[in-house]
Amino acid sequence: MGFWELVVIGVVALLVLGPERLPGALRSVHKTIRGVKQFSQQMQAELSENLRAHELHQKLKSAEEKGLTNLTAEEQAALSELKQAAADVTTSLSDPKAKTEPTTTHEPKL
């Protein structure tokens, strides 16, 4: 949008809403635009995460077809990344207190 188009929109909004309701309407529009931007960023991050998971799955499938021998560097990296993720999950499941409780101890007061 050009400068003059924004001026025309501003003048029309001032005439329609009046000077009392115009600031509230601007805040509402700003809040809505901010919400839409946040939503689009979240969706983009989720889509990227899903694409990465699909890519790792395809590389793992390719590595399994080769019998896990003579793997390319990408396949080896994907396999090690998946092993690390599995180790992290196993660690968190075997010791649930490790992440939920603080490691500091409190001594009772006498």
N, C-alpha and C. Protein backbone atom coordinates (compact mmCIF):
# COMPACT_ATOMS: atom_id res chain seq x y z
N MET A 1 0.84 -1.18 0.00
CA MET A 1 0.00 0.00 0.00
C MET A 1 0.88 1.24 0.00
N GLY A 2 0.45 2.20 -0.74
CA GLY A 2 1.18 3.45 -0.82
C GLY A 2 0.78 4.41 0.30
N PHE A 3 1.52 5.49 0.38
CA PHE A 3 1.29 6.48 1.43
C PHE A 3 -0.10 7.10 1.30
N TRP A 4 -0.50 7.46 0.08
CA TRP A 4 -1.78 8.14 -0.09
C TRP A 4 -2.97 7.21 0.19
N GLU A 5 -2.78 5.94 -0.10
CA GLU A 5 -3.85 4.98 0.22
C GLU A 5 -4.04 4.88 1.73
N LEU A 6 -2.94 4.89 2.48
CA LEU A 6 -3.03 4.86 3.94
C LEU A 6 -3.68 6.13 4.48
N VAL A 7 -3.38 7.26 3.87
CA VAL A 7 -3.99 8.52 4.30
C VAL A 7 -5.49 8.48 4.08
N VAL A 8 -5.93 7.99 2.92
CA VAL A 8 -7.36 7.90 2.62
C VAL A 8 -8.04 6.96 3.61
N ILE A 9 -7.43 5.81 3.90
CA ILE A 9 -8.00 4.87 4.87
C ILE A 9 -8.09 5.52 6.25
N GLY A 10 -7.05 6.26 6.63
CA GLY A 10 -7.06 6.95 7.93
C GLY A 10 -8.15 7.99 8.02
N VAL A 11 -8.35 8.78 6.97
CA VAL A 11 -9.39 9.81 6.98
C VAL A 11 -10.78 9.17 7.03
N VAL A 12 -10.99 8.11 6.25
CA VAL A 12 -12.29 7.43 6.26
C VAL A 12 -12.55 6.82 7.63
N ALA A 13 -11.51 6.20 8.23
CA ALA A 13 -11.68 5.62 9.56
C ALA A 13 -12.00 6.70 10.59
N LEU A 14 -11.36 7.86 10.48
CA LEU A 14 -11.63 8.95 11.41
C LEU A 14 -13.07 9.45 11.25
N LEU A 15 -13.55 9.55 10.01
CA LEU A 15 -14.91 10.01 9.78
C LEU A 15 -15.95 8.98 10.24
N VAL A 16 -15.68 7.71 10.01
CA VAL A 16 -16.65 6.67 10.36
C VAL A 16 -16.66 6.41 11.86
N LEU A 17 -15.48 6.24 12.45
CA LEU A 17 -15.40 5.88 13.87
C LEU A 17 -15.42 7.09 14.81
N GLY A 18 -14.90 8.18 14.35
CA GLY A 18 -14.81 9.35 15.21
C GLY A 18 -13.53 9.30 16.03
N PRO A 19 -13.15 10.44 16.59
CA PRO A 19 -11.89 10.50 17.34
C PRO A 19 -11.92 9.72 18.66
N GLU A 20 -13.11 9.42 19.18
CA GLU A 20 -13.19 8.70 20.46
C GLU A 20 -12.88 7.22 20.29
N ARG A 21 -13.40 6.61 19.22
CA ARG A 21 -13.27 5.17 19.04
C ARG A 21 -12.09 4.77 18.15
N LEU A 22 -11.47 5.71 17.48
CA LEU A 22 -10.38 5.40 16.56
C LEU A 22 -9.17 4.77 17.28
N PRO A 23 -8.70 5.28 18.41
CA PRO A 23 -7.55 4.64 19.09
C PRO A 23 -7.84 3.19 19.49
N GLY A 24 -9.03 2.92 19.99
CA GLY A 24 -9.39 1.55 20.34
C GLY A 24 -9.43 0.64 19.14
N ALA A 25 -9.93 1.16 18.03
CA ALA A 25 -9.99 0.36 16.80
C ALA A 25 -8.58 0.07 16.29
N LEU A 26 -7.68 1.04 16.38
CA LEU A 26 -6.30 0.82 15.96
C LEU A 26 -5.62 -0.23 16.83
N ARG A 27 -5.86 -0.18 18.15
CA ARG A 27 -5.29 -1.19 19.05
C ARG A 27 -5.83 -2.57 18.71
N SER A 28 -7.10 -2.64 18.41
CA SER A 28 -7.71 -3.92 18.06
C SER A 28 -7.13 -4.49 16.78
N VAL A 29 -6.96 -3.65 15.79
CA VAL A 29 -6.37 -4.08 14.51
C VAL A 29 -4.93 -4.53 14.74
N HIS A 30 -4.18 -3.77 15.54
CA HIS A 30 -2.79 -4.12 15.83
C HIS A 30 -2.71 -5.47 16.55
N LYS A 31 -3.60 -5.70 17.50
CA LYS A 31 -3.63 -6.96 18.25
C LYS A 31 -3.95 -8.12 17.31
N THR A 32 -4.89 -7.91 16.42
CA THR A 32 -5.27 -8.96 15.47
C THR A 32 -4.12 -9.30 14.53
N ILE A 33 -3.45 -8.29 14.02
CA ILE A 33 -2.32 -8.51 13.11
C ILE A 33 -1.20 -9.24 13.83
N ARG A 34 -0.93 -8.85 15.07
CA ARG A 34 0.12 -9.51 15.87
C ARG A 34 -0.23 -10.98 16.09
N GLY A 35 -1.49 -11.26 16.38
CA GLY A 35 -1.93 -12.64 16.57
C GLY A 35 -1.78 -13.47 15.31
N VAL A 36 -2.11 -12.90 14.18
CA VAL A 36 -1.97 -13.61 12.90
C VAL A 36 -0.50 -13.90 12.62
N LYS A 37 0.38 -12.93 12.90
CA LYS A 37 1.81 -13.13 12.68
C LYS A 37 2.34 -14.24 13.59
N GLN A 38 1.95 -14.24 14.85
CA GLN A 38 2.39 -15.28 15.77
C GLN A 38 1.91 -16.65 15.32
N PHE A 39 0.66 -16.72 14.89
CA PHE A 39 0.11 -17.98 14.41
C PHE A 39 0.89 -18.47 13.20
N SER A 40 1.20 -17.58 12.27
CA SER A 40 1.92 -18.00 11.07
C SER A 40 3.34 -18.45 11.42
N GLN A 41 3.98 -17.81 12.38
CA GLN A 41 5.32 -18.24 12.81
C GLN A 41 5.26 -19.62 13.46
N GLN A 42 4.24 -19.87 14.27
CA GLN A 42 4.10 -21.17 14.91
C GLN A 42 3.86 -22.26 13.86
N MET A 43 3.01 -21.96 12.90
CA MET A 43 2.72 -22.94 11.85
C MET A 43 3.96 -23.21 11.01
N GLN A 44 4.74 -22.18 10.72
CA GLN A 44 5.96 -22.36 9.95
C GLN A 44 6.96 -23.22 10.72
N ALA A 45 7.09 -22.98 12.02
CA ALA A 45 8.01 -23.78 12.84
C ALA A 45 7.55 -25.24 12.90
N GLU A 46 6.26 -25.45 13.05
CA GLU A 46 5.73 -26.82 13.09
C GLU A 46 5.92 -27.53 11.75
N LEU A 47 5.71 -26.82 10.68
CA LEU A 47 5.90 -27.40 9.36
C LEU A 47 7.37 -27.77 9.14
N SER A 48 8.28 -26.91 9.54
CA SER A 48 9.70 -27.20 9.41
C SER A 48 10.08 -28.42 10.23
N GLU A 49 9.53 -28.52 11.43
CA GLU A 49 9.81 -29.67 12.30
C GLU A 49 9.28 -30.96 11.66
N ASN A 50 8.09 -30.91 11.11
CA ASN A 50 7.53 -32.09 10.45
C ASN A 50 8.32 -32.48 9.21
N LEU A 51 8.78 -31.50 8.45
CA LEU A 51 9.59 -31.80 7.27
C LEU A 51 10.92 -32.43 7.67
N ARG A 52 11.51 -31.94 8.75
CA ARG A 52 12.77 -32.50 9.25
C ARG A 52 12.56 -33.95 9.70
N ALA A 53 11.47 -34.22 10.41
CA ALA A 53 11.19 -35.59 10.85
C ALA A 53 10.98 -36.50 9.64
N HIS A 54 10.28 -36.02 8.63
CA HIS A 54 10.06 -36.81 7.42
C HIS A 54 11.39 -37.10 6.72
N GLU A 55 12.24 -36.09 6.65
CA GLU A 55 13.55 -36.25 6.02
C GLU A 55 14.38 -37.30 6.77
N LEU A 56 14.39 -37.23 8.10
CA LEU A 56 15.12 -38.22 8.89
C LEU A 56 14.55 -39.62 8.67
N HIS A 57 13.23 -39.72 8.59
CA HIS A 57 12.59 -41.01 8.35
C HIS A 57 13.01 -41.58 7.00
N GLN A 58 13.05 -40.76 5.99
CA GLN A 58 13.45 -41.23 4.66
C GLN A 58 14.91 -41.70 4.67
N LYS A 59 15.79 -40.98 5.36
CA LYS A 59 17.19 -41.37 5.42
C LYS A 59 17.36 -42.67 6.20
N LEU A 60 16.60 -42.83 7.27
CA LEU A 60 16.66 -44.06 8.04
C LEU A 60 16.16 -45.24 7.21
N LYS A 61 15.10 -45.01 6.46
CA LYS A 61 14.55 -46.06 5.60
C LYS A 61 15.58 -46.47 4.55
N SER A 62 16.26 -45.50 3.99
CA SER A 62 17.31 -45.77 3.00
C SER A 62 18.46 -46.55 3.63
N ALA A 63 18.82 -46.19 4.86
CA ALA A 63 19.90 -46.89 5.55
C ALA A 63 19.50 -48.33 5.87
N GLU A 64 18.25 -48.54 6.24
CA GLU A 64 17.77 -49.89 6.53
C GLU A 64 17.76 -50.75 5.27
N GLU A 65 17.43 -50.15 4.14
CA GLU A 65 17.44 -50.89 2.88
C GLU A 65 18.84 -51.35 2.51
N LYS A 66 19.84 -50.58 2.94
CA LYS A 66 21.24 -50.95 2.68
C LYS A 66 21.77 -51.92 3.73
N GLY A 67 20.95 -52.26 4.69
CA GLY A 67 21.39 -53.16 5.74
C GLY A 67 22.31 -52.48 6.75
N LEU A 68 22.23 -51.16 6.84
CA LEU A 68 23.05 -50.34 7.73
C LEU A 68 24.54 -50.49 7.45
N THR A 69 24.88 -50.80 6.21
CA THR A 69 26.29 -50.85 5.79
C THR A 69 26.47 -49.96 4.58
N ASN A 70 27.67 -49.46 4.41
CA ASN A 70 28.02 -48.57 3.30
C ASN A 70 27.09 -47.36 3.26
N LEU A 71 26.91 -46.71 4.41
CA LEU A 71 26.00 -45.56 4.50
C LEU A 71 26.70 -44.28 4.06
N THR A 72 25.92 -43.38 3.49
CA THR A 72 26.45 -42.07 3.16
C THR A 72 26.61 -41.24 4.43
N ALA A 73 27.29 -40.12 4.31
CA ALA A 73 27.50 -39.26 5.48
C ALA A 73 26.16 -38.74 6.02
N GLU A 74 25.24 -38.42 5.12
CA GLU A 74 23.92 -37.94 5.55
C GLU A 74 23.15 -39.01 6.30
N GLU A 75 23.23 -40.24 5.81
CA GLU A 75 22.54 -41.34 6.48
C GLU A 75 23.15 -41.64 7.84
N GLN A 76 24.48 -41.56 7.94
CA GLN A 76 25.14 -41.77 9.22
C GLN A 76 24.78 -40.67 10.22
N ALA A 77 24.71 -39.43 9.74
CA ALA A 77 24.32 -38.33 10.61
C ALA A 77 22.89 -38.48 11.09
N ALA A 78 22.01 -38.88 10.20
CA ALA A 78 20.60 -39.09 10.59
C ALA A 78 20.48 -40.22 11.59
N LEU A 79 21.23 -41.28 11.38
CA LEU A 79 21.20 -42.42 12.29
C LEU A 79 21.72 -42.04 13.67
N SER A 80 22.81 -41.28 13.72
CA SER A 80 23.35 -40.86 15.02
C SER A 80 22.41 -39.89 15.72
N GLU A 81 21.75 -39.02 14.95
CA GLU A 81 20.78 -38.09 15.54
C GLU A 81 19.59 -38.85 16.15
N LEU A 82 19.12 -39.86 15.44
CA LEU A 82 18.02 -40.67 15.96
C LEU A 82 18.44 -41.47 17.19
N LYS A 83 19.67 -41.99 17.20
CA LYS A 83 20.17 -42.71 18.37
C LYS A 83 20.24 -41.78 19.58
N GLN A 84 20.70 -40.55 19.36
CA GLN A 84 20.79 -39.59 20.46
C GLN A 84 19.40 -39.24 20.99
N ALA A 85 18.44 -39.06 20.09
CA ALA A 85 17.07 -38.76 20.52
C ALA A 85 16.49 -39.93 21.31
N ALA A 86 16.76 -41.15 20.87
CA ALA A 86 16.27 -42.33 21.60
C ALA A 86 16.92 -42.42 22.97
N ALA A 87 18.20 -42.10 23.06
CA ALA A 87 18.89 -42.13 24.35
C ALA A 87 18.32 -41.08 25.28
N ASP A 88 18.01 -39.90 24.76
CA ASP A 88 17.41 -38.84 25.58
C ASP A 88 16.05 -39.26 26.12
N VAL A 89 15.25 -39.88 25.26
CA VAL A 89 13.91 -40.33 25.69
C VAL A 89 14.05 -41.42 26.74
N THR A 90 14.95 -42.36 26.51
CA THR A 90 15.16 -43.46 27.45
C THR A 90 15.61 -42.93 28.80
N THR A 91 16.52 -41.96 28.80
CA THR A 91 17.01 -41.38 30.04
C THR A 91 15.88 -40.68 30.79
N SER A 92 15.06 -39.92 30.09
CA SER A 92 13.97 -39.20 30.76
C SER A 92 12.90 -40.15 31.27
N LEU A 93 12.68 -41.28 30.59
CA LEU A 93 11.68 -42.24 31.04
C LEU A 93 12.18 -43.08 32.21
N SER A 94 13.47 -43.38 32.22
CA SER A 94 14.00 -44.21 33.30
C SER A 94 14.18 -43.44 34.60
N ASP A 95 14.38 -42.13 34.52
CA ASP A 95 14.57 -41.30 35.72
C ASP A 95 13.67 -40.08 35.62
N PRO A 96 12.36 -40.22 35.88
CA PRO A 96 11.43 -39.09 35.71
C PRO A 96 11.71 -37.94 36.68
N LYS A 97 12.36 -38.21 37.80
CA LYS A 97 12.64 -37.15 38.77
C LYS A 97 13.78 -36.25 38.32
N ALA A 98 14.55 -36.70 37.36
CA ALA A 98 15.72 -35.94 36.92
C ALA A 98 15.35 -34.58 36.35
N LYS A 99 14.22 -34.48 35.68
CA LYS A 99 13.86 -33.21 35.04
C LYS A 99 12.75 -32.47 35.79
N THR A 100 12.01 -33.16 36.64
CA THR A 100 10.88 -32.51 37.27
C THR A 100 11.22 -31.92 38.64
N GLU A 101 12.23 -32.48 39.31
CA GLU A 101 12.57 -31.99 40.64
C GLU A 101 13.94 -31.32 40.59
N PRO A 102 14.13 -30.26 41.37
CA PRO A 102 15.43 -29.61 41.41
C PRO A 102 16.43 -30.52 42.11
N THR A 103 17.72 -30.32 41.80
CA THR A 103 18.75 -31.17 42.36
C THR A 103 19.22 -30.71 43.73
N THR A 104 18.84 -29.54 44.16
CA THR A 104 19.27 -29.06 45.46
C THR A 104 18.42 -29.69 46.54
N THR A 105 19.04 -29.91 47.69
CA THR A 105 18.31 -30.50 48.81
C THR A 105 18.12 -29.45 49.86
N HIS A 106 17.03 -29.57 50.57
CA HIS A 106 16.72 -28.63 51.64
C HIS A 106 16.86 -29.36 52.97
N GLU A 107 17.67 -28.81 53.84
CA GLU A 107 17.84 -29.41 55.15
C GLU A 107 16.77 -28.87 56.09
N PRO A 108 16.23 -29.71 56.96
CA PRO A 108 15.20 -29.22 57.87
C PRO A 108 15.81 -28.28 58.90
N LYS A 109 15.04 -27.29 59.26
CA LYS A 109 15.48 -26.31 60.27
C LYS A 109 15.18 -26.88 61.66
N LEU A 110 16.11 -26.68 62.58
CA LEU A 110 15.92 -27.14 63.95
C LEU A 110 15.47 -26.03 64.84
